[in-house]
């Protein structure tokens, strides 16, 4: 269990009988309209539930034979063993020779997990205690700025997983905010976000969280440098010192305490996490400090508990009723076998506005790979292109393509059954919620059945061909009982584990991201060239663009 890299049992999906069987099945003509017409129990048979999450995947282009073959494929590559390896801290991140223990971040304090002689649970809960203490000092007004005023605004400076996860969760759970402290997020390298934000903040009452796993990310550190300069400009007018500004206005979150200290983060303001936490899986760690500040530590712990409940479901439920396994296998079926190479996430709830962006990173950075864990080039399709938007907005943006375009696109519809309190059930807000739910169900129906979804429109005349809806776009619908910290935690963990299932079938490592490194290195060279008079260092296009920039500067 210590590592999985050289175990050939993990690399037999491509050559298995079930893979060949699925390739043959994919060649058959698939009609969702016919599948439903032939079986009035289809919706019931292709639905399952875990806690507050109900999943209907009956509108996927599958039948019992396909599902059985997918489940057999999962067994043939020993998915159960892979899940155990993930949960127990085995070296599942093979290219970087370490575990991927984001699931340990939400283990209860009573759990036990020893990895290489280290008590992981104790380490995690020590860090959570630090998060609780810092967040409570800020929320209660004990933490003061350099002029002695309480903090009114917190700015999280980060990028990638240090931004998208906390931003998504804080936005989704804003109803649970029990403080007047506003939380803001800055990620953009060019300074636009920060410049616009600082115009509206008071430097004497603003606290910055610098979130960076390596504490070397240029995007984050350039924003942090600007924030420090902004604070110092005011502090000098108030007889404040750089030391007091750094001590009272900056918290650092990183795996690298040495770099945090070198930048100026005081030791008591440093929160650490571990190399075995991937950035896009890190919102459960100290990286989630902004969430804890906004909704309180009890809300943050409920988020962790919801994720842990999905971890238990993933590791214990039979694959035929296992939400992450089914969601992952369906994604493999669509992308690899049906060659549906685009996927969209459509939450019909404005609180989940940043969920598509979060999942874009989670899925494409994890599974956008073309080499197996054994270094072999892949000759099959892996991760699809993923994007999304709030469903009602998307209807007026790109649903035209979904309904009448030439591309096959798989869809995830996400909605909450309950939204507003009992007192407002008859209110206009409740009516809007019901309208949103109706649109969610209606759109998935039309995508599945096309013109046949609406009576008297199944036959389109030659003159009205532009009104034709072909249907047969596969989709899954996820319904949450209601959006709470607990249910959101479960939803996020569901997608994390979906990613792992897909990677297991494809035999790729979902925990590295080597594809983002070369661009960073080249940017350093290009930036250096911008400061020099030397020309002709790159290709003719890049050189020409550089020349134009220098002329215009």
Protein backbone atom coordinates (compact mmCIF):
# COMPACT_ATOMS: atom_id res chain seq x y z
CA UNK A 1 0.00 0.00 0.00
CA UNK A 2 3.00 2.34 0.34
CA UNK A 3 2.95 3.14 -3.36
CA UNK A 4 0.99 2.18 -6.43
CA UNK A 5 3.33 3.19 -9.24
CA UNK A 6 4.81 -0.18 -10.10
CA UNK A 7 1.78 -2.33 -9.41
CA UNK A 8 0.67 -3.61 -12.83
CA UNK A 9 -2.79 -4.38 -11.41
CA UNK A 10 -3.44 -0.66 -11.63
CA UNK A 11 -2.73 -0.46 -15.34
CA UNK A 12 -4.94 -3.05 -16.92
CA UNK A 13 -8.12 -1.11 -17.70
CA UNK A 14 -7.08 -0.25 -21.27
CA UNK A 15 -6.42 -3.88 -22.19
CA UNK A 16 -9.31 -5.41 -20.26
CA UNK A 17 -12.23 -7.23 -21.82
CA UNK A 18 -14.59 -4.63 -20.33
CA UNK A 19 -12.80 -1.78 -22.10
CA UNK A 20 -13.22 -3.55 -25.43
CA UNK A 21 -16.84 -4.29 -24.59
CA UNK A 22 -17.53 -0.63 -23.84
CA UNK A 23 -15.91 0.39 -27.12
CA UNK A 24 -18.32 -1.90 -28.95
CA UNK A 25 -21.32 -0.65 -26.97
CA UNK A 26 -20.39 2.96 -27.73
CA UNK A 27 -20.74 2.28 -31.45
CA UNK A 28 -24.42 1.47 -31.07
CA UNK A 29 -26.94 4.21 -31.85
CA UNK A 30 -28.06 5.69 -28.53
CA UNK A 31 -31.45 7.37 -28.26
CA UNK A 32 -32.61 8.67 -24.89
CA UNK A 33 -36.15 8.93 -26.20
CA UNK A 34 -36.16 5.22 -27.08
CA UNK A 35 -34.53 4.21 -23.80
CA UNK A 36 -37.26 5.96 -21.82
CA UNK A 37 -40.03 4.67 -24.10
CA UNK A 38 -38.86 1.10 -23.59
CA UNK A 39 -38.67 1.23 -19.79
CA UNK A 40 -41.01 3.17 -17.52
CA UNK A 41 -38.89 2.26 -14.47
CA UNK A 42 -35.72 3.75 -15.95
CA UNK A 43 -35.68 6.92 -13.83
CA UNK A 44 -36.04 4.93 -10.62
CA UNK A 45 -33.35 2.40 -11.57
CA UNK A 46 -30.81 5.04 -12.58
CA UNK A 47 -31.12 7.24 -9.49
CA UNK A 48 -29.48 7.04 -6.10
CA UNK A 49 -29.01 9.12 -2.97
CA UNK A 50 -26.38 9.78 -0.32
CA UNK A 51 -27.35 12.00 2.59
CA UNK A 52 -28.74 15.29 1.30
CA UNK A 53 -27.67 14.60 -2.30
CA UNK A 54 -30.02 12.90 -4.75
CA UNK A 55 -28.62 11.98 -8.17
CA UNK A 56 -30.68 11.13 -11.25
CA UNK A 57 -28.50 9.88 -14.10
CA UNK A 58 -31.29 8.29 -16.14
CA UNK A 59 -30.78 10.91 -18.88
CA UNK A 60 -27.29 9.53 -19.62
CA UNK A 61 -26.90 7.40 -22.75
CA UNK A 62 -26.57 4.13 -20.87
CA UNK A 63 -28.48 0.93 -20.23
CA UNK A 64 -28.00 -1.90 -17.75
CA UNK A 65 -25.36 -3.50 -19.96
CA UNK A 66 -23.28 -0.33 -20.15
CA UNK A 67 -23.57 0.28 -16.41
CA UNK A 68 -22.56 -3.29 -15.63
CA UNK A 69 -19.56 -3.02 -17.96
CA UNK A 70 -18.50 0.26 -16.36
CA UNK A 71 -18.74 -1.27 -12.90
CA UNK A 72 -16.76 -4.30 -14.07
CA UNK A 73 -14.16 -1.97 -15.57
CA UNK A 74 -13.82 -0.24 -12.21
CA UNK A 75 -13.31 -3.58 -10.50
CA UNK A 76 -10.80 -4.72 -13.11
CA UNK A 77 -8.49 -1.81 -12.29
CA UNK A 78 -8.99 -2.44 -8.57
CA UNK A 79 -10.75 0.81 -7.80
CA UNK A 80 -11.50 -0.37 -4.26
CA UNK A 81 -7.79 -0.79 -3.59
CA UNK A 82 -7.11 2.62 -5.05
CA UNK A 83 -9.73 4.20 -2.78
CA UNK A 84 -8.16 2.52 0.24
CA UNK A 85 -4.76 3.80 -0.87
CA UNK A 86 -6.08 7.36 -1.07
CA UNK A 87 -7.74 7.23 2.34
CA UNK A 88 -4.82 5.56 4.12
CA UNK A 89 -2.11 7.91 2.93
CA UNK A 90 -0.38 5.76 0.32
CA UNK A 91 1.81 7.42 -2.29
CA UNK A 92 -0.97 8.07 -4.80
CA UNK A 93 0.78 11.19 -6.13
CA UNK A 94 3.42 9.15 -7.89
CA UNK A 95 5.28 11.85 -9.84
CA UNK A 96 5.92 13.83 -6.66
CA UNK A 97 6.29 10.75 -4.44
CA UNK A 98 3.77 11.69 -1.78
CA UNK A 99 0.29 11.05 -0.48
CA UNK A 100 -2.79 13.14 -1.29
CA UNK A 101 -4.49 13.41 2.08
CA UNK A 102 -7.16 16.05 1.61
CA UNK A 103 -9.61 13.53 3.10
CA UNK A 104 -7.59 13.62 6.34
CA UNK A 105 -8.30 17.35 6.65
CA UNK A 106 -11.91 16.57 7.50
CA UNK A 107 -11.40 13.54 9.75
CA UNK A 108 -13.01 13.96 13.19
CA UNK A 109 -10.69 14.47 16.13
CA UNK A 110 -11.50 10.96 17.41
CA UNK A 111 -10.21 9.30 14.22
CA UNK A 112 -6.77 7.77 13.87
CA UNK A 113 -4.47 7.91 10.86
CA UNK A 114 -0.76 7.21 11.05
CA UNK A 115 1.35 7.81 7.95
CA UNK A 116 5.10 7.16 8.12
CA UNK A 117 4.91 7.34 11.90
CA UNK A 118 3.18 10.73 11.87
CA UNK A 119 -0.13 11.26 13.66
CA UNK A 120 -1.93 13.02 10.82
CA UNK A 121 -5.19 13.62 12.71
CA UNK A 122 -3.39 15.32 15.60
CA UNK A 123 -1.49 17.57 13.18
CA UNK A 124 -4.69 18.51 11.34
CA UNK A 125 -6.57 19.41 14.50
CA UNK A 126 -3.70 21.45 15.89
CA UNK A 127 -3.90 23.50 12.71
CA UNK A 128 -7.69 23.80 13.00
CA UNK A 129 -7.25 25.06 16.56
CA UNK A 130 -4.95 27.79 15.24
CA UNK A 131 -7.53 28.69 12.59
CA UNK A 132 -10.21 28.87 15.28
CA UNK A 133 -8.12 31.12 17.53
CA UNK A 134 -7.12 33.52 14.78
CA UNK A 135 -10.59 33.73 13.26
CA UNK A 136 -12.18 34.35 16.65
CA UNK A 137 -9.72 37.14 17.48
CA UNK A 138 -10.62 38.82 14.20
CA UNK A 139 -14.38 38.24 14.50
CA UNK A 140 -14.58 39.38 18.12
CA UNK A 141 -12.70 42.64 17.48
CA UNK A 142 -9.70 41.68 19.60
CA UNK A 143 -7.41 41.86 16.56
CA UNK A 144 -6.58 45.50 15.93
CA UNK A 145 -4.88 47.36 13.12
CA UNK A 146 -1.82 49.60 13.55
CA UNK A 147 -4.00 52.53 14.70
CA UNK A 148 -5.87 50.46 17.27
CA UNK A 149 -9.11 50.03 15.31
CA UNK A 150 -10.87 46.68 14.91
CA UNK A 151 -10.75 44.87 11.56
CA UNK A 152 -13.69 45.52 9.25
CA UNK A 153 -12.40 43.95 6.01
CA UNK A 154 -10.35 40.85 5.24
CA UNK A 155 -8.71 40.43 1.84
CA UNK A 156 -7.63 36.93 0.79
CA UNK A 157 -4.74 37.19 -1.69
CA UNK A 158 -4.18 33.94 -3.54
CA UNK A 159 -4.57 32.25 -6.89
CA UNK A 160 -5.78 28.86 -8.09
CA UNK A 161 -6.74 26.63 -5.18
CA UNK A 162 -5.80 29.34 -2.70
CA UNK A 163 -8.51 31.53 -4.21
CA UNK A 164 -11.16 29.51 -6.06
CA UNK A 165 -12.11 27.20 -3.18
CA UNK A 166 -12.46 29.81 -0.42
CA UNK A 167 -14.15 32.24 -2.84
CA UNK A 168 -16.65 29.63 -3.96
CA UNK A 169 -17.49 28.42 -0.43
CA UNK A 170 -17.65 31.88 1.15
CA UNK A 171 -20.00 33.09 -1.58
CA UNK A 172 -22.20 30.00 -1.40
CA UNK A 173 -22.53 30.18 2.39
CA UNK A 174 -22.93 33.91 2.85
CA UNK A 175 -26.36 33.34 4.42
CA UNK A 176 -24.51 31.72 7.32
CA UNK A 177 -22.31 34.77 7.86
CA UNK A 178 -22.69 35.96 11.44
CA UNK A 179 -20.27 38.88 11.36
CA UNK A 180 -20.16 42.33 9.80
CA UNK A 181 -16.58 41.73 8.68
CA UNK A 182 -16.50 41.68 4.89
CA UNK A 183 -14.30 39.13 3.12
CA UNK A 184 -12.82 39.94 -0.30
CA UNK A 185 -10.72 37.94 -2.75
CA UNK A 186 -7.89 39.05 -5.01
CA UNK A 187 -6.14 36.80 -7.51
CA UNK A 188 -5.50 38.71 -10.74
CA UNK A 189 -1.83 39.30 -11.52
CA UNK A 190 -2.32 42.61 -13.32
CA UNK A 191 -3.56 44.37 -10.20
CA UNK A 192 -7.01 45.31 -11.51
CA UNK A 193 -8.93 43.58 -8.71
CA UNK A 194 -6.69 44.97 -6.00
CA UNK A 195 -6.66 48.49 -7.40
CA UNK A 196 -10.45 48.60 -7.59
CA UNK A 197 -10.82 47.13 -4.11
CA UNK A 198 -8.35 49.34 -2.28
CA UNK A 199 -10.27 52.45 -3.37
CA UNK A 200 -13.11 51.34 -1.09
CA UNK A 201 -11.16 50.06 1.94
CA UNK A 202 -9.74 51.71 5.02
CA UNK A 203 -6.08 50.72 5.46
CA UNK A 204 -6.39 51.08 9.25
CA UNK A 205 -9.07 48.35 9.43
CA UNK A 206 -8.05 46.00 6.60
CA UNK A 207 -6.34 42.65 7.16
CA UNK A 208 -4.66 40.70 4.35
CA UNK A 209 -4.33 36.92 4.18
CA UNK A 210 -1.51 35.84 1.86
CA UNK A 211 -2.41 32.31 0.78
CA UNK A 212 0.23 30.43 -1.20
CA UNK A 213 1.29 26.83 -0.84
CA UNK A 214 4.86 27.59 -1.93
CA UNK A 215 4.83 31.26 -0.90
CA UNK A 216 6.62 31.87 -4.16
CA UNK A 217 3.74 32.41 -6.58
CA UNK A 218 4.43 35.63 -8.46
CA UNK A 219 0.72 36.46 -8.91
CA UNK A 220 0.13 36.37 -5.17
CA UNK A 221 3.34 38.03 -4.03
CA UNK A 222 2.98 40.92 -6.49
CA UNK A 223 -0.47 41.67 -5.07
CA UNK A 224 0.85 41.31 -1.52
CA UNK A 225 3.67 43.77 -2.24
CA UNK A 226 1.17 46.32 -3.54
CA UNK A 227 -1.04 45.81 -0.49
CA UNK A 228 1.93 46.39 1.83
CA UNK A 229 2.88 49.59 0.00
CA UNK A 230 -0.71 50.84 0.29
CA UNK A 231 -0.74 50.19 4.02
CA UNK A 232 2.67 51.76 4.62
CA UNK A 233 1.66 54.95 2.81
CA UNK A 234 -1.09 55.51 5.38
CA UNK A 235 0.80 54.11 8.37
CA UNK A 236 3.62 56.62 7.96
CA UNK A 237 1.10 59.43 8.25
CA UNK A 238 -0.16 57.89 11.50
CA UNK A 239 3.28 57.25 13.00
CA UNK A 240 2.94 53.54 12.32
CA UNK A 241 5.96 51.40 11.55
CA UNK A 242 6.53 48.70 8.95
CA UNK A 243 6.85 46.17 11.75
CA UNK A 244 3.47 47.10 13.22
CA UNK A 245 1.86 46.98 9.78
CA UNK A 246 3.25 43.51 9.07
CA UNK A 247 2.31 42.25 12.53
CA UNK A 248 -1.21 43.65 12.59
CA UNK A 249 -2.29 43.51 8.94
CA UNK A 250 -0.88 40.30 7.44
CA UNK A 251 -1.48 36.60 7.97
CA UNK A 252 0.39 34.03 5.91
CA UNK A 253 -0.81 30.55 4.98
CA UNK A 254 1.74 28.25 3.36
CA UNK A 255 3.76 25.06 3.62
CA UNK A 256 6.91 27.20 3.66
CA UNK A 257 7.43 28.97 7.01
CA UNK A 258 10.91 30.13 6.01
CA UNK A 259 9.61 32.10 3.04
CA UNK A 260 6.74 33.52 5.08
CA UNK A 261 9.22 34.76 7.66
CA UNK A 262 11.53 36.20 5.01
CA UNK A 263 8.61 38.16 3.52
CA UNK A 264 7.80 39.62 6.93
CA UNK A 265 4.96 37.48 8.26
CA UNK A 266 5.34 37.27 12.03
CA UNK A 267 5.54 33.72 13.42
CA UNK A 268 2.29 34.05 15.41
CA UNK A 269 0.51 35.07 12.20
CA UNK A 270 1.67 32.05 10.22
CA UNK A 271 -0.66 29.16 9.48
CA UNK A 272 0.85 26.08 7.91
CA UNK A 273 -0.39 23.12 5.95
CA UNK A 274 1.39 20.22 4.33
CA UNK A 275 2.92 19.16 1.03
CA UNK A 276 0.43 16.30 0.86
CA UNK A 277 -2.40 18.83 0.39
CA UNK A 278 -2.85 19.77 -3.26
CA UNK A 279 -3.76 23.41 -3.85
CA UNK A 280 -7.08 22.62 -5.53
CA UNK A 281 -7.95 20.30 -2.63
CA UNK A 282 -6.91 22.72 0.12
CA UNK A 283 -10.00 24.70 1.15
CA UNK A 284 -10.45 22.25 4.05
CA UNK A 285 -7.10 23.29 5.52
CA UNK A 286 -5.92 26.62 6.95
CA UNK A 287 -6.45 27.93 3.40
CA UNK A 288 -10.12 28.04 4.46
CA UNK A 289 -9.42 30.75 7.07
CA UNK A 290 -11.45 33.28 5.09
CA UNK A 291 -14.43 30.91 5.23
CA UNK A 292 -14.07 30.51 9.00
CA UNK A 293 -13.88 34.28 9.47
CA UNK A 294 -17.07 34.83 7.48
CA UNK A 295 -19.30 31.98 8.75
CA UNK A 296 -17.63 31.11 12.04
CA UNK A 297 -15.71 28.05 13.09
CA UNK A 298 -18.88 26.05 13.75
CA UNK A 299 -19.96 26.62 10.16
CA UNK A 300 -16.51 25.71 8.88
CA UNK A 301 -16.54 22.49 10.90
CA UNK A 302 -19.98 21.66 9.45
CA UNK A 303 -18.45 22.08 5.98
CA UNK A 304 -15.71 19.61 6.97
CA UNK A 305 -18.26 17.20 8.42
CA UNK A 306 -20.26 17.22 5.20
CA UNK A 307 -17.16 16.39 3.20
CA UNK A 308 -16.26 13.62 5.64
CA UNK A 309 -19.73 12.10 5.24
CA UNK A 310 -19.10 11.88 1.49
CA UNK A 311 -15.65 10.37 2.16
CA UNK A 312 -17.30 7.61 4.16
CA UNK A 313 -19.91 7.04 1.47
CA UNK A 314 -17.18 6.87 -1.19
CA UNK A 315 -15.12 4.34 0.75
CA UNK A 316 -17.99 2.18 1.98
CA UNK A 317 -20.95 2.21 -0.43
CA UNK A 318 -21.36 -0.44 -3.08
CA UNK A 319 -20.20 0.90 -6.43
CA UNK A 320 -23.69 0.49 -7.91
CA UNK A 321 -25.01 3.05 -5.40
CA UNK A 322 -21.85 5.10 -4.91
CA UNK A 323 -22.36 8.67 -6.12
CA UNK A 324 -18.71 9.58 -6.81
CA UNK A 325 -18.04 6.23 -8.49
CA UNK A 326 -21.11 6.50 -10.71
CA UNK A 327 -20.43 10.15 -11.56
CA UNK A 328 -16.82 9.34 -12.45
CA UNK A 329 -17.68 6.27 -14.51
CA UNK A 330 -20.32 8.20 -16.45
CA UNK A 331 -17.72 10.87 -17.22
CA UNK A 332 -15.35 8.18 -18.53
CA UNK A 333 -18.13 6.66 -20.62
CA UNK A 334 -18.97 10.03 -22.17
CA UNK A 335 -15.45 11.30 -22.80
CA UNK A 336 -13.48 8.15 -23.61
CA UNK A 337 -16.06 5.93 -25.28
CA UNK A 338 -18.82 8.19 -26.65
CA UNK A 339 -16.23 10.92 -27.36
CA UNK A 340 -18.34 13.63 -25.81
CA UNK A 341 -15.43 15.99 -25.17
CA UNK A 342 -17.21 18.94 -23.60
CA UNK A 343 -18.91 19.10 -20.23
CA UNK A 344 -20.83 21.94 -18.59
CA UNK A 345 -21.85 22.47 -14.96
CA UNK A 346 -25.16 24.30 -14.53
CA UNK A 347 -26.15 25.23 -10.98
CA UNK A 348 -29.68 26.62 -10.76
CA UNK A 349 -28.88 28.55 -7.62
CA UNK A 350 -27.18 31.94 -7.59
CA UNK A 351 -25.30 31.09 -4.40
CA UNK A 352 -23.27 28.55 -6.39
CA UNK A 353 -22.09 31.14 -8.90
CA UNK A 354 -18.41 30.25 -8.45
CA UNK A 355 -18.88 26.48 -8.42
CA UNK A 356 -18.29 26.07 -12.20
CA UNK A 357 -14.98 27.98 -11.99
CA UNK A 358 -13.93 25.90 -9.00
CA UNK A 359 -14.75 22.65 -10.80
CA UNK A 360 -12.98 23.85 -13.95
CA UNK A 361 -9.72 23.84 -12.03
CA UNK A 362 -10.51 20.73 -10.02
CA UNK A 363 -11.23 18.59 -13.07
CA UNK A 364 -9.04 20.02 -15.84
CA UNK A 365 -5.92 20.63 -13.75
CA UNK A 366 -6.29 17.18 -12.18
CA UNK A 367 -7.16 15.10 -15.22
CA UNK A 368 -5.93 17.15 -18.18
CA UNK A 369 -3.18 14.60 -18.76
CA UNK A 370 -1.91 12.64 -21.77
CA UNK A 371 0.63 10.34 -20.08
CA UNK A 372 -0.13 7.47 -17.72
CA UNK A 373 1.43 7.06 -14.30
CA UNK A 374 3.85 4.68 -15.98
CA UNK A 375 5.05 7.28 -18.49
CA UNK A 376 3.16 5.86 -21.47
CA UNK A 377 1.49 8.10 -24.03
CA UNK A 378 -2.28 7.84 -23.87
CA UNK A 379 -4.22 6.93 -27.01
CA UNK A 380 -7.71 7.61 -25.65
CA UNK A 381 -9.58 10.76 -24.63
CA UNK A 382 -9.28 11.79 -20.99
CA UNK A 383 -10.65 14.95 -19.36
CA UNK A 384 -13.24 16.88 -21.38
CA UNK A 385 -13.22 20.66 -21.67
CA UNK A 386 -15.31 21.90 -18.76
CA UNK A 387 -17.11 25.18 -18.22
CA UNK A 388 -20.33 26.38 -16.70
CA UNK A 389 -22.52 29.19 -15.46
CA UNK A 390 -25.59 29.78 -13.32
CA UNK A 391 -28.25 27.88 -15.26
CA UNK A 392 -30.70 30.72 -15.77
CA UNK A 393 -27.91 32.96 -17.07
CA UNK A 394 -26.53 30.19 -19.27
CA UNK A 395 -29.94 29.79 -20.89
CA UNK A 396 -29.44 33.26 -22.37
CA UNK A 397 -25.80 32.67 -23.25
CA UNK A 398 -24.74 29.24 -24.53
CA UNK A 399 -27.84 27.00 -24.36
CA UNK A 400 -28.33 27.77 -28.03
CA UNK A 401 -25.25 25.65 -28.70
CA UNK A 402 -26.40 22.92 -26.30
CA UNK A 403 -29.78 22.61 -27.99
CA UNK A 404 -28.97 23.20 -31.65
CA UNK A 405 -25.21 23.25 -32.09
CA UNK A 406 -23.11 20.55 -33.73
CA UNK A 407 -21.23 19.52 -30.56
CA UNK A 408 -22.17 16.80 -28.13
CA UNK A 409 -21.99 18.21 -24.58
CA UNK A 410 -22.68 16.40 -21.33
CA UNK A 411 -24.28 18.42 -18.55
CA UNK A 412 -24.56 18.44 -14.77
CA UNK A 413 -27.67 20.20 -13.49
CA UNK A 414 -27.45 21.16 -9.81
CA UNK A 415 -30.30 22.59 -7.73
CA UNK A 416 -31.57 22.88 -4.17
CA UNK A 417 -35.06 21.58 -3.37
CA UNK A 418 -35.67 23.94 -0.45
CA UNK A 419 -34.51 27.54 -0.42
CA UNK A 420 -36.53 30.05 1.56
CA UNK A 421 -38.00 29.65 5.04
CA UNK A 422 -41.53 28.46 5.77
CA UNK A 423 -42.58 32.02 6.51
CA UNK A 424 -41.79 33.07 2.95
CA UNK A 425 -43.19 30.06 1.08
CA UNK A 426 -45.92 32.17 -0.42
CA UNK A 427 -43.65 35.09 -1.12
CA UNK A 428 -42.38 36.23 -4.49
CA UNK A 429 -38.90 34.92 -3.56
CA UNK A 430 -40.28 31.42 -3.09
CA UNK A 431 -42.08 31.71 -6.41
CA UNK A 432 -38.79 32.68 -8.04
CA UNK A 433 -37.12 29.64 -6.50
CA UNK A 434 -39.84 27.38 -7.88
CA UNK A 435 -39.47 29.01 -11.28
CA UNK A 436 -35.73 28.29 -11.20
CA UNK A 437 -36.37 24.65 -10.31
CA UNK A 438 -38.91 24.37 -13.12
CA UNK A 439 -36.36 25.72 -15.60
CA UNK A 440 -33.74 23.27 -14.37
CA UNK A 441 -36.01 20.27 -14.94
CA UNK A 442 -37.37 21.65 -18.20
CA UNK A 443 -33.96 22.25 -19.74
CA UNK A 444 -32.68 18.77 -18.90
CA UNK A 445 -35.84 17.32 -20.43
CA UNK A 446 -35.53 19.28 -23.68
CA UNK A 447 -31.82 18.46 -23.94
CA UNK A 448 -32.67 14.79 -23.61
CA UNK A 449 -35.71 14.53 -25.86
CA UNK A 450 -35.53 17.52 -28.19
CA UNK A 451 -38.74 18.35 -30.02
CA UNK A 452 -40.40 15.25 -28.61
CA UNK A 453 -40.36 16.91 -25.18
CA UNK A 454 -43.16 19.26 -26.23
CA UNK A 455 -46.41 17.99 -27.71
CA UNK A 456 -47.09 18.85 -31.35
CA UNK A 457 -43.49 19.89 -32.08
CA UNK A 458 -41.95 16.51 -32.83
CA UNK A 459 -42.39 17.01 -36.56
CA UNK A 460 -40.74 20.09 -38.06
CA UNK A 461 -41.44 21.18 -41.62
CA UNK A 462 -38.67 21.86 -44.09
CA UNK A 463 -39.45 25.56 -43.81
CA UNK A 464 -38.99 25.46 -40.04
CA UNK A 465 -35.84 23.37 -39.79
CA UNK A 466 -34.25 26.12 -37.71
CA UNK A 467 -36.76 25.23 -34.95
CA UNK A 468 -35.52 21.65 -34.70
CA UNK A 469 -34.14 20.44 -31.35
CA UNK A 470 -32.31 17.17 -31.84
CA UNK A 471 -32.11 16.21 -28.13
CA UNK A 472 -29.98 13.28 -27.00
CA UNK A 473 -27.62 15.48 -24.98
CA UNK A 474 -26.68 13.44 -21.90
CA UNK A 475 -27.11 14.94 -18.45
CA UNK A 476 -27.12 14.16 -14.75
CA UNK A 477 -29.25 16.06 -12.24
CA UNK A 478 -28.05 16.56 -8.67
CA UNK A 479 -30.61 17.77 -6.14
CA UNK A 480 -29.61 18.93 -2.67
CA UNK A 481 -32.26 18.99 0.05
CA UNK A 482 -31.03 22.49 0.84
CA UNK A 483 -27.76 24.38 0.70
CA UNK A 484 -26.01 24.28 4.08
CA UNK A 485 -22.35 24.11 5.09
CA UNK A 486 -22.79 20.36 5.52
CA UNK A 487 -24.43 19.72 2.15
CA UNK A 488 -21.96 21.98 0.35
CA UNK A 489 -19.08 20.04 1.90
CA UNK A 490 -20.61 16.80 0.64
CA UNK A 491 -21.12 18.24 -2.86
CA UNK A 492 -17.52 19.43 -3.15
CA UNK A 493 -16.16 16.10 -1.88
CA UNK A 494 -18.40 14.30 -4.37
CA UNK A 495 -16.63 16.07 -7.23
CA UNK A 496 -13.19 15.55 -5.70
CA UNK A 497 -13.81 11.82 -5.61
CA UNK A 498 -15.34 11.84 -9.09
CA UNK A 499 -12.00 13.19 -10.31
CA UNK A 500 -10.14 10.37 -8.56
CA UNK A 501 -12.39 7.71 -10.08
CA UNK A 502 -11.82 9.07 -13.58
CA UNK A 503 -8.06 9.22 -13.03
CA UNK A 504 -8.05 5.65 -11.72
CA UNK A 505 -9.71 4.33 -14.86
CA UNK A 506 -7.43 6.39 -17.11
CA UNK A 507 -4.34 5.47 -15.05
CA UNK A 508 -3.24 9.06 -14.68
CA UNK A 509 -2.05 11.03 -11.67
CA UNK A 510 -4.70 13.62 -10.71
CA UNK A 511 -2.54 15.22 -8.01
CA UNK A 512 0.24 16.86 -10.02
CA UNK A 513 0.09 19.74 -12.50
CA UNK A 514 3.31 19.81 -14.46
CA UNK A 515 1.49 21.44 -17.34
CA UNK A 516 1.41 24.78 -15.52
CA UNK A 517 5.16 25.04 -14.91
CA UNK A 518 6.74 25.76 -18.30
CA UNK A 519 4.60 28.81 -18.93
CA UNK A 520 5.77 30.30 -15.63
CA UNK A 521 9.40 29.69 -16.56
CA UNK A 522 8.97 31.23 -19.99
CA UNK A 523 7.22 34.25 -18.47
CA UNK A 524 10.35 34.97 -16.43
CA UNK A 525 12.46 34.96 -19.60
CA UNK A 526 10.00 37.17 -21.46
CA UNK A 527 9.76 39.57 -18.53
CA UNK A 528 13.56 39.80 -18.43
CA UNK A 529 13.61 40.50 -22.18
CA UNK A 530 11.15 43.37 -21.68
CA UNK A 531 13.74 45.11 -19.52
CA UNK A 532 16.56 44.67 -22.06
CA UNK A 533 17.41 46.14 -25.45
CA UNK A 534 18.34 42.69 -26.79
CA UNK A 535 16.08 41.38 -29.57
CA UNK A 536 15.67 38.11 -31.41
CA UNK A 537 15.61 35.86 -28.35
CA UNK A 538 12.40 33.98 -29.14
CA UNK A 539 10.28 33.04 -32.14
CA UNK A 540 9.49 35.77 -34.66
CA UNK A 541 5.93 36.22 -33.39
CA UNK A 542 6.95 36.70 -29.73
CA UNK A 543 9.84 38.97 -30.75
CA UNK A 544 7.54 41.07 -32.88
CA UNK A 545 5.00 41.40 -30.05
CA UNK A 546 7.74 42.38 -27.62
CA UNK A 547 9.02 44.98 -30.07
CA UNK A 548 5.52 46.45 -30.40
CA UNK A 549 5.09 46.61 -26.62
CA UNK A 550 8.45 48.36 -26.17
CA UNK A 551 7.62 50.87 -28.90
CA UNK A 552 4.28 51.69 -27.30
CA UNK A 553 5.58 51.85 -23.72
